[in-house]
Amino acid sequence: MRVAVTGASGFVGGAVCRALAGRGIETRAYGRRAAVDPAHVGGAPYRSWDLTRGPIPDAPDVDAVIHCAGGVTDWGPVSALFAANLIGTRNALAGFRKARFVHVSTASVYDPYRPTVMAKEHQAPVSRYVNAYGASKAAAERAVLAVMRGRGKTLWHGPRRREALILRPHAVYGPGDPLLLPRVLASVRGPLLTAVGTGRQRVSLTSVGNLAEACVLAACGPVGTGVYNITDAEPVALDTALRAVLAERGIRARPVYLPEAPVRCAAAAVEGACLLARSPRPPALTRYAVGHLAVERTLDISAARTILGYDPAPTSFKGAAAW
């Protein structure tokens, strides 16, 4: 079995490479950085490749490609996010023409304007998004769905239909996490951690280890198509998760919760001020972040359990002091 991984220099891609290598699977790693520590990719051969510039030349013959590359931010230029997420996905599809394609998407393709309550896969993509990240990831999904179903134009000569799977994790965390844990810790002010909602709202979180396991199952298992939510074993209450992070990090603070409506209005005002000022730095508060904290965001993973054989571990922040 030979597997290529895009975005291998990043948080998720590196974890996927290490999971594959740990199972003795021949792995090829690709990322934007010029070089990476071999340990980050499990010792796999690494090659620098910017997906936004076109399909990879001289692509090796592999059985599957796990596409982890993309832009992950709730604030950024629309053109850059669509280049990274949509154009990059199209180029990855074109670069590996015959391989099974495993696309690592996001739960942000679900409707951001209403709570996500044990959402099933058919409920996304939708027609409205609060930012370019959700819209660009939804567009990338549609490109993968088109080749999965044998519809639309292709960028290469050959079969229009191919094996493809889409995985939708939510709030990925774990060793090397560059987004979720830093954002939580940045919200601590003295003895308080400021959050939104009531704290009782449930959230589905996804450890990077669980996501890597799902990627291996999708790339190497007998199932060649489908869309699957990927999370930890069960949802948790937001307050429980935040307190667990603080305790594991040894931070003497407690969460306090602000009502959603005024915080959402404040986020809109902050975003507007950043746009008017043409600030190169992202706003400290965004509507996207508020929407993912203030209401339930849970996913139904029964399809992944039943069809892929996915058996995730429960949410745990053990070891977070070293992350």
Protein backbone atom coordinates (compact mmCIF):
# COMPACT_ATOMS: atom_id res chain seq x y z
CA MET A 1 0.00 0.00 0.00
CA ARG A 2 1.38 3.40 -1.04
CA VAL A 3 -0.16 6.62 0.26
CA ALA A 4 0.60 10.29 -0.43
CA VAL A 5 -0.24 13.00 2.11
CA THR A 6 -0.65 16.67 1.23
CA GLY A 7 -0.25 19.33 3.91
CA ALA A 8 2.27 17.05 5.58
CA SER A 9 4.22 19.96 7.05
CA GLY A 10 1.15 21.00 9.04
CA PHE A 11 -0.55 19.87 12.24
CA VAL A 12 -3.00 17.31 10.81
CA GLY A 13 -0.90 16.20 7.84
CA GLY A 14 2.09 15.43 10.05
CA ALA A 15 -0.04 13.35 12.41
CA VAL A 16 -1.47 11.42 9.45
CA CYS A 17 2.03 10.69 8.11
CA ARG A 18 3.15 9.41 11.52
CA ALA A 19 0.04 7.21 11.80
CA LEU A 20 0.66 5.70 8.37
CA ALA A 21 4.36 5.15 9.01
CA GLY A 22 3.57 3.55 12.36
CA ARG A 23 1.58 0.90 10.50
CA GLY A 24 4.39 0.25 8.05
CA ILE A 25 2.53 1.88 5.15
CA GLU A 26 4.74 3.37 2.43
CA THR A 27 4.12 7.11 2.68
CA ARG A 28 5.05 10.12 0.56
CA ALA A 29 4.78 13.52 2.26
CA TYR A 30 4.11 16.87 0.55
CA GLY A 31 3.87 20.34 2.03
CA ARG A 32 4.47 24.04 1.35
CA ARG A 33 7.53 24.34 3.59
CA ALA A 34 10.92 23.87 2.01
CA ALA A 35 11.86 21.19 4.55
CA VAL A 36 10.54 19.55 7.72
CA ASP A 37 11.96 17.55 10.58
CA PRO A 38 11.83 13.92 9.40
CA ALA A 39 10.27 12.94 12.73
CA HIS A 40 7.29 15.20 11.97
CA VAL A 41 6.33 13.04 8.98
CA GLY A 42 7.31 9.72 10.51
CA GLY A 43 10.45 9.49 8.41
CA ALA A 44 8.53 9.59 5.13
CA PRO A 45 10.25 11.11 2.08
CA TYR A 46 9.24 14.77 1.96
CA ARG A 47 8.83 17.05 -1.07
CA SER A 48 7.90 20.73 -1.14
CA TRP A 49 4.81 21.48 -3.26
CA ASP A 50 2.58 24.56 -3.34
CA LEU A 51 -0.80 23.22 -4.48
CA THR A 52 -2.03 26.66 -5.50
CA ARG A 53 0.52 26.73 -8.36
CA GLY A 54 -0.74 23.63 -10.14
CA PRO A 55 -0.73 19.82 -10.09
CA ILE A 56 2.46 18.22 -8.91
CA PRO A 57 4.80 17.27 -11.75
CA ASP A 58 6.10 13.71 -11.83
CA ALA A 59 3.56 12.48 -9.28
CA PRO A 60 4.40 9.00 -7.99
CA ASP A 61 2.05 6.10 -8.55
CA VAL A 62 0.18 5.70 -5.25
CA ASP A 63 -2.92 3.82 -4.15
CA ALA A 64 -4.42 6.70 -2.17
CA VAL A 65 -3.85 10.37 -1.40
CA ILE A 66 -4.93 11.97 1.87
CA HIS A 67 -5.51 15.65 1.18
CA CYS A 68 -4.85 17.57 4.40
CA ALA A 69 -3.53 20.77 2.80
CA GLY A 70 -5.54 23.98 2.91
CA GLY A 71 -6.04 27.36 4.51
CA VAL A 72 -7.43 27.21 8.06
CA THR A 73 -8.42 30.63 9.36
CA ASP A 74 -11.63 32.44 10.21
CA TRP A 75 -10.24 35.71 8.85
CA GLY A 76 -8.32 36.22 5.65
CA PRO A 77 -8.50 37.32 2.00
CA VAL A 78 -11.25 35.56 0.09
CA SER A 79 -8.99 34.96 -2.91
CA ALA A 80 -6.26 33.37 -0.80
CA LEU A 81 -8.66 31.02 0.97
CA PHE A 82 -10.31 29.90 -2.25
CA ALA A 83 -6.87 29.40 -3.82
CA ALA A 84 -5.72 27.23 -0.93
CA ASN A 85 -8.94 25.28 -0.42
CA LEU A 86 -10.67 25.05 -3.81
CA ILE A 87 -7.85 25.45 -6.34
CA GLY A 88 -5.53 23.42 -4.14
CA THR A 89 -8.05 20.58 -3.97
CA ARG A 90 -8.57 20.62 -7.72
CA ASN A 91 -4.81 20.47 -8.26
CA ALA A 92 -4.45 17.61 -5.79
CA LEU A 93 -7.18 15.71 -7.64
CA ALA A 94 -5.43 16.35 -10.93
CA GLY A 95 -1.98 15.50 -9.60
CA PHE A 96 -2.96 12.03 -8.46
CA ARG A 97 -5.35 10.94 -11.19
CA LYS A 98 -5.97 7.31 -10.36
CA ALA A 99 -5.53 7.20 -6.59
CA ARG A 100 -8.35 7.00 -4.07
CA PHE A 101 -8.85 10.56 -2.83
CA VAL A 102 -9.43 11.20 0.89
CA HIS A 103 -10.41 14.82 1.43
CA VAL A 104 -10.05 16.23 4.94
CA SER A 105 -12.82 18.82 5.10
CA THR A 106 -14.41 20.50 8.14
CA ALA A 107 -17.64 20.72 10.09
CA SER A 108 -17.65 24.40 9.10
CA VAL A 109 -19.49 23.33 5.94
CA TYR A 110 -22.66 22.97 8.06
CA ASP A 111 -24.99 25.96 8.39
CA PRO A 112 -23.24 28.49 10.65
CA TYR A 113 -26.41 30.47 11.30
CA ARG A 114 -28.13 27.78 13.35
CA PRO A 115 -27.05 25.27 15.99
CA THR A 116 -25.56 22.04 14.66
CA VAL A 117 -27.34 19.32 16.64
CA MET A 118 -26.02 15.81 15.92
CA ALA A 119 -25.86 16.80 12.27
CA LYS A 120 -25.86 14.10 9.61
CA GLU A 121 -23.73 14.24 6.51
CA HIS A 122 -26.54 15.05 4.04
CA GLN A 123 -27.16 18.39 5.80
CA ALA A 124 -24.13 20.03 4.14
CA PRO A 125 -22.83 21.83 2.17
CA VAL A 126 -25.31 24.71 2.41
CA SER A 127 -25.80 27.95 0.47
CA ARG A 128 -24.74 30.48 3.13
CA TYR A 129 -21.58 30.95 5.15
CA VAL A 130 -20.35 33.62 7.53
CA ASN A 131 -16.82 33.75 6.12
CA ALA A 132 -14.62 32.66 3.24
CA TYR A 133 -13.24 29.69 5.14
CA GLY A 134 -16.57 27.87 5.31
CA ALA A 135 -17.50 28.88 1.77
CA SER A 136 -14.15 27.77 0.31
CA LYS A 137 -14.20 24.42 2.11
CA ALA A 138 -17.76 23.83 0.88
CA ALA A 139 -16.63 24.62 -2.67
CA ALA A 140 -13.77 22.15 -2.30
CA GLU A 141 -16.20 19.49 -1.10
CA ARG A 142 -18.37 20.05 -4.15
CA ALA A 143 -15.33 19.52 -6.39
CA VAL A 144 -14.63 16.19 -4.68
CA LEU A 145 -18.29 15.18 -4.78
CA ALA A 146 -18.32 15.87 -8.52
CA VAL A 147 -15.58 13.34 -9.22
CA MET A 148 -17.02 10.91 -6.68
CA ARG A 149 -20.32 10.95 -8.54
CA GLY A 150 -18.88 11.21 -12.04
CA ARG A 151 -20.27 14.67 -12.72
CA GLY A 152 -18.83 17.90 -14.03
CA LYS A 153 -15.64 18.64 -15.90
CA THR A 154 -12.35 17.04 -14.95
CA LEU A 155 -8.88 18.52 -15.18
CA TRP A 156 -7.32 15.43 -16.70
CA HIS A 157 -7.90 12.78 -19.32
CA GLY A 158 -9.27 9.56 -17.94
CA PRO A 159 -12.23 8.24 -15.97
CA ARG A 160 -14.59 10.93 -14.76
CA ARG A 161 -15.62 8.89 -11.73
CA ARG A 162 -13.23 7.73 -9.04
CA GLU A 163 -13.02 6.56 -5.46
CA ALA A 164 -13.24 9.51 -3.08
CA LEU A 165 -14.13 10.04 0.57
CA ILE A 166 -14.80 13.23 2.51
CA LEU A 167 -14.06 13.45 6.24
CA ARG A 168 -15.56 16.25 8.35
CA PRO A 169 -13.81 16.78 11.70
CA HIS A 170 -14.74 19.52 14.14
CA ALA A 171 -12.40 21.50 16.40
CA VAL A 172 -9.25 19.40 15.99
CA TYR A 173 -6.90 19.46 18.98
CA GLY A 174 -3.83 17.63 20.23
CA PRO A 175 -0.02 17.84 20.34
CA GLY A 176 1.14 20.61 18.03
CA ASP A 177 -2.30 22.26 17.87
CA PRO A 178 -1.73 25.72 16.34
CA LEU A 179 -5.29 27.05 16.67
CA LEU A 180 -7.75 25.67 19.22
CA LEU A 181 -5.64 25.46 22.37
CA PRO A 182 -3.81 28.76 21.74
CA ARG A 183 -7.15 30.50 21.23
CA VAL A 184 -8.50 29.11 24.50
CA LEU A 185 -5.39 30.15 26.40
CA ALA A 186 -5.48 33.62 24.83
CA SER A 187 -8.93 34.11 26.36
CA VAL A 188 -7.58 33.83 29.90
CA ARG A 189 -7.41 37.14 31.73
CA GLY A 190 -6.11 36.73 35.26
CA PRO A 191 -8.48 34.41 37.15
CA LEU A 192 -11.07 34.30 34.35
CA LEU A 193 -11.46 32.64 30.97
CA THR A 194 -14.04 34.55 28.95
CA ALA A 195 -16.40 32.49 26.80
CA VAL A 196 -19.84 32.84 25.20
CA GLY A 197 -23.19 31.17 25.88
CA THR A 198 -24.00 29.25 29.04
CA GLY A 199 -21.25 26.64 29.13
CA ARG A 200 -23.88 23.92 28.97
CA GLN A 201 -23.91 23.84 25.17
CA ARG A 202 -22.53 20.57 23.82
CA VAL A 203 -19.65 20.44 21.34
CA SER A 204 -18.10 17.65 19.33
CA LEU A 205 -14.32 17.82 19.46
CA THR A 206 -11.83 15.77 17.42
CA SER A 207 -8.45 14.70 18.70
CA VAL A 208 -5.80 14.69 16.01
CA GLY A 209 -5.16 11.04 16.87
CA ASN A 210 -8.77 10.12 16.13
CA LEU A 211 -8.69 12.09 12.88
CA ALA A 212 -5.44 10.41 11.79
CA GLU A 213 -7.00 7.01 12.49
CA ALA A 214 -10.03 7.93 10.37
CA CYS A 215 -7.73 9.01 7.53
CA VAL A 216 -5.92 5.66 7.61
CA LEU A 217 -9.23 3.77 7.55
CA ALA A 218 -10.47 5.88 4.63
CA ALA A 219 -7.26 5.48 2.61
CA CYS A 220 -6.55 1.82 3.28
CA GLY A 221 -9.92 0.27 4.09
CA PRO A 222 -12.35 -1.53 1.78
CA VAL A 223 -14.81 1.41 1.52
CA GLY A 224 -14.00 3.70 -1.40
CA THR A 225 -16.65 6.42 -1.31
CA GLY A 226 -18.79 8.46 1.06
CA VAL A 227 -18.97 11.48 3.34
CA TYR A 228 -18.30 10.95 7.05
CA ASN A 229 -18.37 13.09 10.18
CA ILE A 230 -15.30 12.47 12.35
CA THR A 231 -15.22 13.38 16.04
CA ASP A 232 -14.29 11.96 19.43
CA ALA A 233 -16.49 9.23 20.88
CA GLU A 234 -19.13 11.54 22.41
CA PRO A 235 -19.88 15.28 22.61
CA VAL A 236 -18.92 17.16 25.77
CA ALA A 237 -20.26 20.27 27.47
CA LEU A 238 -18.18 23.33 26.64
CA ASP A 239 -17.66 24.17 30.32
CA THR A 240 -16.36 20.65 30.99
CA ALA A 241 -13.89 20.91 28.11
CA LEU A 242 -12.61 24.35 29.12
CA ARG A 243 -12.13 23.36 32.76
CA ALA A 244 -10.27 20.22 31.68
CA VAL A 245 -7.87 22.27 29.55
CA LEU A 246 -7.23 24.75 32.36
CA ALA A 247 -6.65 21.98 34.89
CA GLU A 248 -4.26 20.07 32.64
CA ARG A 249 -2.29 23.24 31.93
CA GLY A 250 -2.21 24.13 35.64
CA ILE A 251 -3.94 27.47 35.07
CA ARG A 252 -5.85 28.85 38.06
CA ALA A 253 -8.78 30.36 36.20
CA ARG A 254 -12.46 29.63 35.79
CA PRO A 255 -14.71 30.13 32.75
CA VAL A 256 -17.22 32.97 32.77
CA TYR A 257 -19.92 33.19 30.10
CA LEU A 258 -21.23 36.25 28.29
CA PRO A 259 -24.60 36.34 26.48
CA GLU A 260 -24.41 35.57 22.77
CA ALA A 261 -26.34 38.51 21.26
CA PRO A 262 -24.17 41.41 22.51
CA VAL A 263 -20.95 39.47 21.89
CA ARG A 264 -22.01 38.72 18.31
CA CYS A 265 -22.75 42.44 17.79
CA ALA A 266 -19.37 43.33 19.25
CA ALA A 267 -17.69 40.84 16.89
CA ALA A 268 -19.40 42.40 13.88
CA ALA A 269 -18.22 45.86 15.03
CA VAL A 270 -14.64 44.64 15.51
CA GLU A 271 -14.64 43.01 12.08
CA GLY A 272 -15.95 46.22 10.51
CA ALA A 273 -13.28 48.30 12.20
CA CYS A 274 -10.56 45.96 10.92
CA LEU A 275 -11.91 46.18 7.39
CA LEU A 276 -12.12 49.98 7.48
CA ALA A 277 -8.62 50.26 8.88
CA ARG A 278 -7.35 47.67 6.37
CA SER A 279 -5.59 46.03 9.25
CA PRO A 280 -3.21 43.23 8.26
CA ARG A 281 -3.87 41.54 11.61
CA PRO A 282 -7.01 39.46 12.22
CA PRO A 283 -9.58 40.84 14.66
CA ALA A 284 -9.43 39.58 18.22
CA LEU A 285 -13.09 38.54 17.97
CA THR A 286 -15.02 37.23 14.94
CA ARG A 287 -18.61 36.19 14.31
CA TYR A 288 -17.34 32.80 13.20
CA ALA A 289 -15.64 32.20 16.56
CA VAL A 290 -18.71 33.35 18.46
CA GLY A 291 -20.95 31.08 16.41
CA HIS A 292 -18.80 28.06 17.20
CA LEU A 293 -18.79 28.73 20.93
CA ALA A 294 -22.24 30.05 21.78
CA VAL A 295 -24.51 27.24 20.56
CA GLU A 296 -24.43 23.47 20.21
CA ARG A 297 -22.05 22.12 17.57
CA THR A 298 -22.37 18.34 17.55
CA LEU A 299 -22.05 15.76 14.78
CA ASP A 300 -23.55 12.30 14.29
CA ILE A 301 -20.68 9.86 13.61
CA SER A 302 -22.79 6.72 13.23
CA ALA A 303 -21.96 6.45 9.49
CA ALA A 304 -18.21 6.46 10.17
CA ARG A 305 -18.64 3.90 12.94
CA THR A 306 -20.83 1.58 10.87
CA ILE A 307 -19.30 1.87 7.41
CA LEU A 308 -15.65 2.74 8.00
CA GLY A 309 -15.24 0.82 11.25
CA TYR A 310 -14.23 4.02 13.04
CA ASP A 311 -13.91 3.51 16.82
CA PRO A 312 -12.77 6.81 18.34
CA ALA A 313 -11.36 7.44 21.78
CA PRO A 314 -13.23 9.85 24.10
CA THR A 315 -12.26 13.49 24.40
CA SER A 316 -9.17 13.90 26.58
CA PHE A 317 -6.73 16.71 27.23
CA LYS A 318 -4.27 14.52 29.09
CA GLY A 319 -0.77 15.72 28.36
CA ALA A 320 -1.92 19.19 27.27
CA ALA A 321 0.69 20.75 29.55
CA ALA A 322 3.29 19.62 27.02
CA TRP A 323 1.42 20.68 23.86
